[in-house]
PDB file of N, CA and C in Angstrom:
ATOM      1  N   MET A   1     -60.323 141.815  49.278  1.00  0.00           N
ATOM      2  CA  MET A   1     -60.328 141.043  50.510  1.00  0.00           C
ATOM      3  C   MET A   1     -60.853 141.952  51.633  1.00  0.00           C
ATOM      4  N   THR A   2     -61.776 141.403  52.388  1.00  0.00           N
ATOM      5  CA  THR A   2     -62.355 142.182  53.479  1.00  0.00           C
ATOM      6  C   THR A   2     -61.405 142.216  54.668  1.00  0.00           C
ATOM      7  N   ALA A   3     -61.686 143.126  55.582  1.00  0.00           N
ATOM      8  CA  ALA A   3     -60.864 143.232  56.796  1.00  0.00           C
ATOM      9  C   ALA A   3     -60.934 141.934  57.595  1.00  0.00           C
ATOM     10  N   PHE A   4     -62.113 141.315  57.617  1.00  0.00           N
ATOM     11  CA  PHE A   4     -62.263 140.047  58.335  1.00  0.00           C
ATOM     12  C   PHE A   4     -61.380 138.964  57.714  1.00  0.00           C
ATOM     13  N   GLU A   5     -61.365 138.888  56.391  1.00  0.00           N
ATOM     14  CA  GLU A   5     -60.549 137.881  55.700  1.00  0.00           C
ATOM     15  C   GLU A   5     -59.061 138.134  55.931  1.00  0.00           C
ATOM     16  N   GLU A   6     -58.666 139.398  55.921  1.00  0.00           N
ATOM     17  CA  GLU A   6     -57.265 139.734  56.190  1.00  0.00           C
ATOM     18  C   GLU A   6     -56.874 139.334  57.607  1.00  0.00           C
ATOM     19  N   ARG A   7     -57.763 139.605  58.531  1.00  0.00           N
ATOM     20  CA  ARG A   7     -57.497 139.248  59.929  1.00  0.00           C
ATOM     21  C   ARG A   7     -57.420 137.726  60.093  1.00  0.00           C
ATOM     22  N   GLU A   8     -58.333 137.026  59.448  1.00  0.00           N
ATOM     23  CA  GLU A   8     -58.329 135.562  59.506  1.00  0.00           C
ATOM     24  C   GLU A   8     -57.027 135.000  58.920  1.00  0.00           C
ATOM     25  N   ARG A   9     -56.605 135.541  57.801  1.00  0.00           N
ATOM     26  CA  ARG A   9     -55.362 135.099  57.164  1.00  0.00           C
ATOM     27  C   ARG A   9     -54.164 135.368  58.075  1.00  0.00           C
ATOM     28  N   ALA A  10     -54.155 136.519  58.743  1.00  0.00           N
ATOM     29  CA  ALA A  10     -53.059 136.857  59.663  1.00  0.00           C
ATOM     30  C   ALA A  10     -53.017 135.884  60.838  1.00  0.00           C
ATOM     31  N   PHE A  11     -54.188 135.535  61.384  1.00  0.00           N
ATOM     32  CA  PHE A  11     -54.237 134.566  62.484  1.00  0.00           C
ATOM     33  C   PHE A  11     -53.731 133.199  62.034  1.00  0.00           C
ATOM     34  N   GLU A  12     -54.124 132.781  60.832  1.00  0.00           N
ATOM     35  CA  GLU A  12     -53.680 131.493  60.303  1.00  0.00           C
ATOM     36  C   GLU A  12     -52.165 131.474  60.110  1.00  0.00           C
ATOM     37  N   LYS A  13     -51.623 132.578  59.605  1.00  0.00           N
ATOM     38  CA  LYS A  13     -50.178 132.667  59.399  1.00  0.00           C
ATOM     39  C   LYS A  13     -49.438 132.611  60.732  1.00  0.00           C
ATOM     40  N   LYS A  14     -49.934 133.341  61.725  1.00  0.00           N
ATOM     41  CA  LYS A  14     -49.304 133.325  63.050  1.00  0.00           C
ATOM     42  C   LYS A  14     -49.369 131.929  63.658  1.00  0.00           C
ATOM     43  N   PHE A  15     -50.502 131.257  63.509  1.00  0.00           N
ATOM     44  CA  PHE A  15     -50.648 129.902  64.033  1.00  0.00           C
ATOM     45  C   PHE A  15     -49.612 128.977  63.395  1.00  0.00           C
ATOM     46  N   ALA A  16     -49.451 129.061  62.083  1.00  0.00           N
ATOM     47  CA  ALA A  16     -48.484 128.217  61.381  1.00  0.00           C
ATOM     48  C   ALA A  16     -47.059 128.502  61.857  1.00  0.00           C
ATOM     49  N   ILE A  17     -46.727 129.757  62.033  1.00  0.00           N
ATOM     50  CA  ILE A  17     -45.391 130.132  62.512  1.00  0.00           C
ATOM     51  C   ILE A  17     -45.171 129.612  63.927  1.00  0.00           C
ATOM     52  N   ASP A  18     -46.179 129.770  64.783  1.00  0.00           N
ATOM     53  CA  ASP A  18     -46.071 129.289  66.168  1.00  0.00           C
ATOM     54  C   ASP A  18     -45.906 127.775  66.223  1.00  0.00           C
ATOM     55  N   GLU A  19     -46.642 127.053  65.378  1.00  0.00           N
ATOM     56  CA  GLU A  19     -46.543 125.592  65.355  1.00  0.00           C
ATOM     57  C   GLU A  19     -45.166 125.142  64.863  1.00  0.00           C
ATOM     58  N   GLU A  20     -44.631 125.835  63.860  1.00  0.00           N
ATOM     59  CA  GLU A  20     -43.293 125.499  63.374  1.00  0.00           C
ATOM     60  C   GLU A  20     -42.252 125.738  64.464  1.00  0.00           C
ATOM     61  N   LEU A  21     -42.373 126.842  65.172  1.00  0.00           N
ATOM     62  CA  LEU A  21     -41.453 127.153  66.262  1.00  0.00           C
ATOM     63  C   LEU A  21     -41.546 126.091  67.352  1.00  0.00           C
ATOM     64  N   LYS A  22     -42.753 125.708  67.710  1.00  0.00           N
ATOM     65  CA  LYS A  22     -42.963 124.665  68.722  1.00  0.00           C
ATOM     66  C   LYS A  22     -42.300 123.356  68.288  1.00  0.00           C
ATOM     67  N   PHE A  23     -42.479 122.985  67.021  1.00  0.00           N
ATOM     68  CA  PHE A  23     -41.873 121.759  66.507  1.00  0.00           C
ATOM     69  C   PHE A  23     -40.352 121.827  66.579  1.00  0.00           C
ATOM     70  N   ARG A  24     -39.784 122.952  66.168  1.00  0.00           N
ATOM     71  CA  ARG A  24     -38.328 123.092  66.185  1.00  0.00           C
ATOM     72  C   ARG A  24     -37.775 123.023  67.604  1.00  0.00           C
ATOM     73  N   ILE A  25     -38.477 123.639  68.553  1.00  0.00           N
ATOM     74  CA  ILE A  25     -38.041 123.596  69.951  1.00  0.00           C
ATOM     75  C   ILE A  25     -38.115 122.171  70.481  1.00  0.00           C
ATOM     76  N   GLU A  26     -39.209 121.469  70.192  1.00  0.00           N
ATOM     77  CA  GLU A  26     -39.344 120.090  70.659  1.00  0.00           C
ATOM     78  C   GLU A  26     -38.281 119.192  70.037  1.00  0.00           C
ATOM     79  N   ALA A  27     -37.993 119.394  68.759  1.00  0.00           N
ATOM     80  CA  ALA A  27     -36.959 118.596  68.099  1.00  0.00           C
ATOM     81  C   ALA A  27     -35.590 118.847  68.737  1.00  0.00           C
ATOM     82  N   ARG A  28     -35.279 120.111  69.031  1.00  0.00           N
ATOM     83  CA  ARG A  28     -34.004 120.437  69.671  1.00  0.00           C
ATOM     84  C   ARG A  28     -33.954 119.853  71.082  1.00  0.00           C
ATOM     85  N   ARG A  29     -35.069 119.970  71.818  1.00  0.00           N
ATOM     86  CA  ARG A  29     -35.125 119.389  73.158  1.00  0.00           C
ATOM     87  C   ARG A  29     -34.885 117.883  73.094  1.00  0.00           C
ATOM     88  N   ASN A  30     -35.505 117.219  72.134  1.00  0.00           N
ATOM     89  CA  ASN A  30     -35.327 115.774  72.010  1.00  0.00           C
ATOM     90  C   ASN A  30     -33.894 115.410  71.652  1.00  0.00           C
ATOM     91  N   LYS A  31     -33.236 116.251  70.865  1.00  0.00           N
ATOM     92  CA  LYS A  31     -31.828 116.007  70.540  1.00  0.00           C
ATOM     93  C   LYS A  31     -30.981 116.107  71.806  1.00  0.00           C
ATOM     94  N   LEU A  32     -31.194 117.163  72.571  1.00  0.00           N
ATOM     95  CA  LEU A  32     -30.437 117.341  73.815  1.00  0.00           C
ATOM     96  C   LEU A  32     -30.742 116.220  74.804  1.00  0.00           C
ATOM     97  N   LEU A  33     -32.017 115.896  74.949  1.00  0.00           N
ATOM     98  CA  LEU A  33     -32.420 114.829  75.859  1.00  0.00           C
ATOM     99  C   LEU A  33     -31.871 113.492  75.386  1.00  0.00           C
ATOM    100  N   GLY A  34     -31.911 113.263  74.081  1.00  0.00           N
ATOM    101  CA  GLY A  34     -31.394 112.019  73.521  1.00  0.00           C
ATOM    102  C   GLY A  34     -29.901 111.859  73.742  1.00  0.00           C
ATOM    103  N   GLU A  35     -29.150 112.936  73.570  1.00  0.00           N
ATOM    104  CA  GLU A  35     -27.704 112.878  73.821  1.00  0.00           C
ATOM    105  C   GLU A  35     -27.423 112.580  75.289  1.00  0.00           C
ATOM    106  N   TRP A  36     -28.156 113.237  76.169  1.00  0.00           N
ATOM    107  CA  TRP A  36     -27.994 113.028  77.613  1.00  0.00           C
ATOM    108  C   TRP A  36     -28.355 111.598  77.990  1.00  0.00           C
ATOM    109  N   ALA A  37     -29.510 111.131  77.508  1.00  0.00           N
ATOM    110  CA  ALA A  37     -29.963 109.772  77.827  1.00  0.00           C
ATOM    111  C   ALA A  37     -29.017 108.734  77.239  1.00  0.00           C
ATOM    112  N   ALA A  38     -28.546 108.965  76.020  1.00  0.00           N
ATOM    113  CA  ALA A  38     -27.626 108.023  75.378  1.00  0.00           C
ATOM    114  C   ALA A  38     -26.351 107.875  76.199  1.00  0.00           C
ATOM    115  N   ALA A  39     -25.853 108.970  76.739  1.00  0.00           N
ATOM    116  CA  ALA A  39     -24.656 108.902  77.589  1.00  0.00           C
ATOM    117  C   ALA A  39     -24.942 108.073  78.834  1.00  0.00           C
ATOM    118  N   LYS A  40     -26.117 108.272  79.436  1.00  0.00           N
ATOM    119  CA  LYS A  40     -26.492 107.487  80.619  1.00  0.00           C
ATOM    120  C   LYS A  40     -26.632 106.005  80.284  1.00  0.00           C
ATOM    121  N   LEU A  41     -27.044 105.716  79.040  1.00  0.00           N
ATOM    122  CA  LEU A  41     -27.235 104.333  78.592  1.00  0.00           C
ATOM    123  C   LEU A  41     -25.957 103.731  78.001  1.00  0.00           C
ATOM    124  N   ASN A  42     -24.868 104.501  78.039  1.00  0.00           N
ATOM    125  CA  ASN A  42     -23.576 104.069  77.491  1.00  0.00           C
ATOM    126  C   ASN A  42     -23.637 103.770  75.997  1.00  0.00           C
ATOM    127  N   LEU A  43     -24.450 104.525  75.266  1.00  0.00           N
ATOM    128  CA  LEU A  43     -24.494 104.397  73.814  1.00  0.00           C
ATOM    129  C   LEU A  43     -23.402 105.279  73.224  1.00  0.00           C
ATOM    130  N   SER A  44     -22.903 104.892  72.070  1.00  0.00           N
ATOM    131  CA  SER A  44     -21.880 105.709  71.419  1.00  0.00           C
ATOM    132  C   SER A  44     -21.995 105.569  69.911  1.00  0.00           C
ATOM    133  N   GLY A  45     -21.280 106.438  69.219  1.00  0.00           N
ATOM    134  CA  GLY A  45     -21.243 106.387  67.766  1.00  0.00           C
ATOM    135  C   GLY A  45     -22.607 106.566  67.131  1.00  0.00           C
ATOM    136  N   SER A  46     -22.883 105.747  66.124  1.00  0.00           N
ATOM    137  CA  SER A  46     -24.139 105.871  65.385  1.00  0.00           C
ATOM    138  C   SER A  46     -25.354 105.519  66.237  1.00  0.00           C
ATOM    139  N   ALA A  47     -25.153 104.779  67.317  1.00  0.00           N
ATOM    140  CA  ALA A  47     -26.272 104.419  68.200  1.00  0.00           C
ATOM    141  C   ALA A  47     -26.886 105.662  68.837  1.00  0.00           C
ATOM    142  N   VAL A  48     -26.075 106.687  69.065  1.00  0.00           N
ATOM    143  CA  VAL A  48     -26.588 107.936  69.644  1.00  0.00           C
ATOM    144  C   VAL A  48     -27.538 108.610  68.651  1.00  0.00           C
ATOM    145  N   GLY A  49     -27.105 108.738  67.413  1.00  0.00           N
ATOM    146  CA  GLY A  49     -27.952 109.341  66.381  1.00  0.00           C
ATOM    147  C   GLY A  49     -29.228 108.552  66.159  1.00  0.00           C
ATOM    148  N   GLU A  50     -29.114 107.247  66.179  1.00  0.00           N
ATOM    149  CA  GLU A  50     -30.292 106.390  66.020  1.00  0.00           C
ATOM    150  C   GLU A  50     -31.271 106.603  67.174  1.00  0.00           C
ATOM    151  N   TYR A  51     -30.747 106.715  68.379  1.00  0.00           N
ATOM    152  CA  TYR A  51     -31.595 106.925  69.555  1.00  0.00           C
ATOM    153  C   TYR A  51     -32.328 108.264  69.449  1.00  0.00           C
ATOM    154  N   ILE A  52     -31.622 109.291  69.020  1.00  0.00           N
ATOM    155  CA  ILE A  52     -32.235 110.614  68.849  1.00  0.00           C
ATOM    156  C   ILE A  52     -33.322 110.557  67.779  1.00  0.00           C
ATOM    157  N   ARG A  53     -33.065 109.870  66.669  1.00  0.00           N
ATOM    158  CA  ARG A  53     -34.073 109.729  65.616  1.00  0.00           C
ATOM    159  C   ARG A  53     -35.316 109.011  66.138  1.00  0.00           C
ATOM    160  N   GLU A  54     -35.079 107.985  66.952  1.00  0.00           N
ATOM    161  CA  GLU A  54     -36.193 107.242  67.529  1.00  0.00           C
ATOM    162  C   GLU A  54     -37.052 108.150  68.420  1.00  0.00           C
ATOM    163  N   LEU A  55     -36.399 108.969  69.232  1.00  0.00           N
ATOM    164  CA  LEU A  55     -37.145 109.894  70.087  1.00  0.00           C
ATOM    165  C   LEU A  55     -37.934 110.905  69.252  1.00  0.00           C
ATOM    166  N   THR A  56     -37.354 111.358  68.154  1.00  0.00           N
ATOM    167  CA  THR A  56     -38.035 112.311  67.280  1.00  0.00           C
ATOM    168  C   THR A  56     -39.273 111.679  66.657  1.00  0.00           C
ATOM    169  N   GLU A  57     -39.154 110.431  66.221  1.00  0.00           N
ATOM    170  CA  GLU A  57     -40.310 109.731  65.655  1.00  0.00           C
ATOM    171  C   GLU A  57     -41.405 109.556  66.701  1.00  0.00           C
ATOM    172  N   ILE A  58     -41.014 109.228  67.920  1.00  0.00           N
ATOM    173  CA  ILE A  58     -41.995 109.068  68.995  1.00  0.00           C
ATOM    174  C   ILE A  58     -42.680 110.398  69.276  1.00  0.00           C
ATOM    175  N   GLN A  59     -41.935 111.491  69.233  1.00  0.00           N
ATOM    176  CA  GLN A  59     -42.522 112.820  69.451  1.00  0.00           C
ATOM    177  C   GLN A  59     -43.641 113.067  68.448  1.00  0.00           C
ATOM    178  N   VAL A  60     -43.404 112.706  67.201  1.00  0.00           N
ATOM    179  CA  VAL A  60     -44.389 112.947  66.150  1.00  0.00           C
ATOM    180  C   VAL A  60     -45.627 112.070  66.343  1.00  0.00           C
ATOM    181  N   THR A  61     -45.425 110.818  66.730  1.00  0.00           N
ATOM    182  CA  THR A  61     -46.553 109.892  66.827  1.00  0.00           C
ATOM    183  C   THR A  61     -47.252 109.896  68.182  1.00  0.00           C
ATOM    184  N   ARG A  62     -46.495 110.083  69.265  1.00  0.00           N
ATOM    185  CA  ARG A  62     -47.084 109.956  70.604  1.00  0.00           C
ATOM    186  C   ARG A  62     -46.886 111.185  71.484  1.00  0.00           C
ATOM    187  N   GLY A  63     -46.163 112.172  71.002  1.00  0.00           N
ATOM    188  CA  GLY A  63     -45.984 113.400  71.764  1.00  0.00           C
ATOM    189  C   GLY A  63     -44.899 113.309  72.825  1.00  0.00           C
ATOM    190  N   SER A  64     -44.789 114.371  73.598  1.00  0.00           N
ATOM    191  CA  SER A  64     -43.742 114.474  74.613  1.00  0.00           C
ATOM    192  C   SER A  64     -43.854 113.394  75.676  1.00  0.00           C
ATOM    193  N   GLU A  65     -45.076 113.024  76.023  1.00  0.00           N
ATOM    194  CA  GLU A  65     -45.253 111.973  77.031  1.00  0.00           C
ATOM    195  C   GLU A  65     -44.708 110.639  76.521  1.00  0.00           C
ATOM    196  N   GLY A  66     -44.854 110.384  75.234  1.00  0.00           N
ATOM    197  CA  GLY A  66     -44.291 109.175  74.641  1.00  0.00           C
ATOM    198  C   GLY A  66     -42.776 109.163  74.717  1.00  0.00           C
ATOM    199  N   VAL A  67     -42.156 110.318  74.492  1.00  0.00           N
ATOM    200  CA  VAL A  67     -40.697 110.436  74.604  1.00  0.00           C
ATOM    201  C   VAL A  67     -40.276 110.149  76.037  1.00  0.00           C
ATOM    202  N   PHE A  68     -40.975 110.755  76.992  1.00  0.00           N
ATOM    203  CA  PHE A  68     -40.670 110.531  78.402  1.00  0.00           C
ATOM    204  C   PHE A  68     -40.772 109.045  78.741  1.00  0.00           C
ATOM    205  N   GLU A  69     -41.860 108.405  78.316  1.00  0.00           N
ATOM    206  CA  GLU A  69     -42.068 106.984  78.619  1.00  0.00           C
ATOM    207  C   GLU A  69     -40.961 106.123  78.023  1.00  0.00           C
ATOM    208  N   LYS A  70     -40.537 106.432  76.801  1.00  0.00           N
ATOM    209  CA  LYS A  70     -39.474 105.669  76.136  1.00  0.00           C
ATOM    210  C   LYS A  70     -38.167 105.781  76.912  1.00  0.00           C
ATOM    211  N   VAL A  71     -37.773 106.997  77.243  1.00  0.00           N
ATOM    212  CA  VAL A  71     -36.510 107.196  77.957  1.00  0.00           C
ATOM    213  C   VAL A  71     -36.576 106.541  79.335  1.00  0.00           C
ATOM    214  N   MET A  72     -37.679 106.738  80.038  1.00  0.00           N
ATOM    215  CA  MET A  72     -37.815 106.150  81.377  1.00  0.00           C
ATOM    216  C   MET A  72     -37.764 104.629  81.300  1.00  0.00           C
ATOM    217  N   SER A  73     -38.428 104.050  80.313  1.00  0.00           N
ATOM    218  CA  SER A  73     -38.422 102.600  80.122  1.00  0.00           C
ATOM    219  C   SER A  73     -37.012 102.093  79.834  1.00  0.00           C
ATOM    220  N   ASP A  74     -36.284 102.813  78.990  1.00  0.00           N
ATOM    221  CA  ASP A  74     -34.903 102.422  78.678  1.00  0.00           C
ATOM    222  C   ASP A  74     -34.020 102.512  79.915  1.00  0.00           C
ATOM    223  N   PHE A  75     -34.203 103.555  80.702  1.00  0.00           N
ATOM    224  CA  PHE A  75     -33.428 103.688  81.939  1.00  0.00           C
ATOM    225  C   PHE A  75     -33.718 102.530  82.887  1.00  0.00           C
ATOM    226  N   GLU A  76     -34.987 102.216  83.067  1.00  0.00           N
ATOM    227  CA  GLU A  76     -35.357 101.123  83.972  1.00  0.00           C
ATOM    228  C   GLU A  76     -34.810  99.788  83.474  1.00  0.00           C
ATOM    229  N   ALA A  77     -34.901  99.541  82.171  1.00  0.00           N
ATOM    230  CA  ALA A  77     -34.432  98.282  81.591  1.00  0.00           C
ATOM    231  C   ALA A  77     -32.922  98.120  81.702  1.00  0.00           C
ATOM    232  N   ASN A  78     -32.207  99.239  81.781  1.00  0.00           N
ATOM    233  CA  ASN A  78     -30.744  99.193  81.822  1.00  0.00           C
ATOM    234  C   ASN A  78     -30.173  99.565  83.182  1.00  0.00           C
ATOM    235  N   GLY A  79     -31.022  99.666  84.183  1.00  0.00           N
ATOM    236  CA  GLY A  79     -30.558  99.944  85.537  1.00  0.00           C
ATOM    237  C   GLY A  79     -29.978 101.326  85.742  1.00  0.00           C
ATOM    238  N   VAL A  80     -30.428 102.293  84.947  1.00  0.00           N
ATOM    239  CA  VAL A  80     -29.952 103.669  85.101  1.00  0.00           C
ATOM    240  C   VAL A  80     -30.737 104.307  86.248  1.00  0.00           C
ATOM    241  N   GLY A  81     -30.022 104.828  87.225  1.00  0.00           N
ATOM    242  CA  GLY A  81     -30.650 105.373  88.426  1.00  0.00           C
ATOM    243  C   GLY A  81     -31.135 106.795  88.280  1.00  0.00           C
ATOM    244  N   VAL A  82     -32.096 107.013  87.409  1.00  0.00           N
ATOM    245  CA  VAL A  82     -32.704 108.330  87.235  1.00  0.00           C
ATOM    246  C   VAL A  82     -34.194 108.177  87.525  1.00  0.00           C
ATOM    247  N   THR A  83     -34.704 109.002  88.425  1.00  0.00           N
ATOM    248  CA  THR A  83     -36.126 108.931  88.765  1.00  0.00           C
ATOM    249  C   THR A  83     -36.962 109.658  87.711  1.00  0.00           C
ATOM    250  N   ALA A  84     -38.252 109.395  87.739  1.00  0.00           N
ATOM    251  CA  ALA A  84     -39.171 110.073  86.827  1.00  0.00           C
ATOM    252  C   ALA A  84     -39.118 111.586  87.041  1.00  0.00           C
ATOM    253  N   ASN A  85     -39.039 112.017  88.288  1.00  0.00           N
ATOM    254  CA  ASN A  85     -38.955 113.458  88.570  1.00  0.00           C
ATOM    255  C   ASN A  85     -37.673 114.063  88.016  1.00  0.00           C
ATOM    256  N   GLU A  86     -36.558 113.352  88.159  1.00  0.00           N
ATOM    257  CA  GLU A  86     -35.285 113.850  87.616  1.00  0.00           C
ATOM    258  C   GLU A  86     -35.358 113.943  86.094  1.00  0.00           C
ATOM    259  N   LEU A  87     -35.966 112.943  85.469  1.00  0.00           N
ATOM    260  CA  LEU A  87     -36.091 112.953  84.014  1.00  0.00           C
ATOM    261  C   LEU A  87     -36.968 114.118  83.558  1.00  0.00           C
ATOM    262  N   ARG A  88     -38.084 114.328  84.219  1.00  0.00           N
ATOM    263  CA  ARG A  88     -38.970 115.445  83.851  1.00  0.00           C
ATOM    264  C   ARG A  88     -38.267 116.796  84.051  1.00  0.00           C
ATOM    265  N   LYS A  89     -37.537 116.928  85.147  1.00  0.00           N
ATOM    266  CA  LYS A  89     -36.806 118.172  85.412  1.00  0.00           C
ATOM    267  C   LYS A  89     -35.757 118.415  84.325  1.00  0.00           C
ATOM    268  N   THR A  90     -35.017 117.378  83.979  1.00  0.00           N
ATOM    269  CA  THR A  90     -33.996 117.498  82.937  1.00  0.00           C
ATOM    270  C   THR A  90     -34.635 117.847  81.599  1.00  0.00           C
ATOM    271  N   SER A  91     -35.752 117.214  81.287  1.00  0.00           N
ATOM    272  CA  SER A  91     -36.454 117.500  80.043  1.00  0.00           C
ATOM    273  C   SER A  91     -36.907 118.957  79.991  1.00  0.00           C
ATOM    274  N   LEU A  92     -37.420 119.474  81.091  1.00  0.00           N
ATOM    275  CA  LEU A  92     -37.834 120.881  81.144  1.00  0.00           C
ATOM    276  C   LEU A  92     -36.646 121.823  80.983  1.00  0.00           C
ATOM    277  N   GLU A  93     -35.507 121.455  81.575  1.00  0.00           N
ATOM    278  CA  GLU A  93     -34.299 122.272  81.419  1.00  0.00           C
ATOM    279  C   GLU A  93     -33.862 122.301  79.957  1.00  0.00           C
ATOM    280  N   PHE A  94     -33.920 121.139  79.300  1.00  0.00           N
ATOM    281  CA  PHE A  94     -33.559 121.080  77.881  1.00  0.00           C
ATOM    282  C   PHE A  94     -34.578 121.834  77.023  1.00  0.00           C
ATOM    283  N   GLN A  95     -35.854 121.799  77.408  1.00  0.00           N
ATOM    284  CA  GLN A  95     -36.893 122.538  76.687  1.00  0.00           C
ATOM    285  C   GLN A  95     -36.590 124.036  76.744  1.00  0.00           C
ATOM    286  N   SER A  96     -36.237 124.518  77.923  1.00  0.00           N
ATOM    287  CA  SER A  96     -35.914 125.931  78.101  1.00  0.00           C
ATOM    288  C   SER A  96     -34.674 126.308  77.296  1.00  0.00           C
ATOM    289  N   ARG A  97     -33.657 125.472  77.366  1.00  0.00           N
ATOM    290  CA  ARG A  97     -32.424 125.727  76.616  1.00  0.00           C
ATOM    291  C   ARG A  97     -32.701 125.730  75.117  1.00  0.00           C
ATOM    292  N   ALA A  98     -33.489 124.759  74.658  1.00  0.00           N
ATOM    293  CA  ALA A  98     -33.810 124.666  73.235  1.00  0.00           C
ATOM    294  C   ALA A  98     -34.556 125.916  72.769  1.00  0.00           C
ATOM    295  N   ALA A  99     -35.501 126.383  73.571  1.00  0.00           N
ATOM    296  CA  ALA A  99     -36.262 127.583  73.204  1.00  0.00           C
ATOM    297  C   ALA A  99     -35.338 128.788  73.076  1.00  0.00           C
ATOM    298  N   LYS A 100     -34.421 128.946  74.018  1.00  0.00           N
ATOM    299  CA  LYS A 100     -33.483 130.068  73.962  1.00  0.00           C
ATOM    300  C   LYS A 100     -32.594 129.975  72.726  1.00  0.00           C
ATOM    301  N   GLU A 101     -32.094 128.765  72.439  1.00  0.00           N
ATOM    302  CA  GLU A 101     -31.217 128.585  71.284  1.00  0.00           C
ATOM    303  C   GLU A 101     -31.954 128.870  69.978  1.00  0.00           C
ATOM    304  N   ILE A 102     -33.148 128.318  69.842  1.00  0.00           N
ATOM    305  CA  ILE A 102     -33.918 128.485  68.607  1.00  0.00           C
ATOM    306  C   ILE A 102     -34.288 129.952  68.401  1.00  0.00           C
ATOM    307  N   LYS A 103     -34.737 130.608  69.452  1.00  0.00           N
ATOM    308  CA  LYS A 103     -35.152 132.008  69.332  1.00  0.00           C
ATOM    309  C   LYS A 103     -33.975 132.941  69.078  1.00  0.00           C
ATOM    310  N   ALA A 104     -32.762 132.506  69.420  1.00  0.00           N
ATOM    311  CA  ALA A 104     -31.571 133.322  69.185  1.00  0.00           C
ATOM    312  C   ALA A 104     -31.040 133.166  67.762  1.00  0.00           C
ATOM    313  N   GLU A 105     -31.526 132.161  67.048  1.00  0.00           N
ATOM    314  CA  GLU A 105     -31.063 131.939  65.681  1.00  0.00           C
ATOM    315  C   GLU A 105     -31.630 133.012  64.754  1.00  0.00           C
ATOM    316  N   PRO A 106     -30.897 133.323  63.690  1.00  0.00           N
ATOM    317  CA  PRO A 106     -31.407 134.302  62.724  1.00  0.00           C
ATOM    318  C   PRO A 106     -32.690 133.789  62.062  1.00  0.00           C
ATOM    319  N   ASN A 107     -33.528 134.702  61.639  1.00  0.00           N
ATOM    320  CA  ASN A 107     -34.772 134.378  60.926  1.00  0.00           C
ATOM    321  C   ASN A 107     -35.785 133.645  61.778  1.00  0.00           C
ATOM    322  N   VAL A 108     -35.772 133.886  63.082  1.00  0.00           N
ATOM    323  CA  VAL A 108     -36.791 133.272  63.939  1.00  0.00           C
ATOM    324  C   VAL A 108     -37.679 134.351  64.486  1.00  0.00           C
TER     325      VAL A 108
END
């Protein structure tokens, strides 16, 4: 294997690791955001887990903006008094918390 091939393989491996880390952080953020939003929506029991799963599926298909739109739409439909700016701020706080938690776990 040439030095170029070794370097290319190393870049590919780093990219894969970075993408996995990004996915795990987004999934954790969506869990935290989903729990917070579910409480605001007065969901309980299995409905909370279902809501979190729904947000995770939206993340995969439509990305973070899709998650934001879903939560904001649910808040508006249910008369929850949270502005778009408050939701974005909360989401960023959960993103930061999720990153810290994930990076503190063993084998990360």
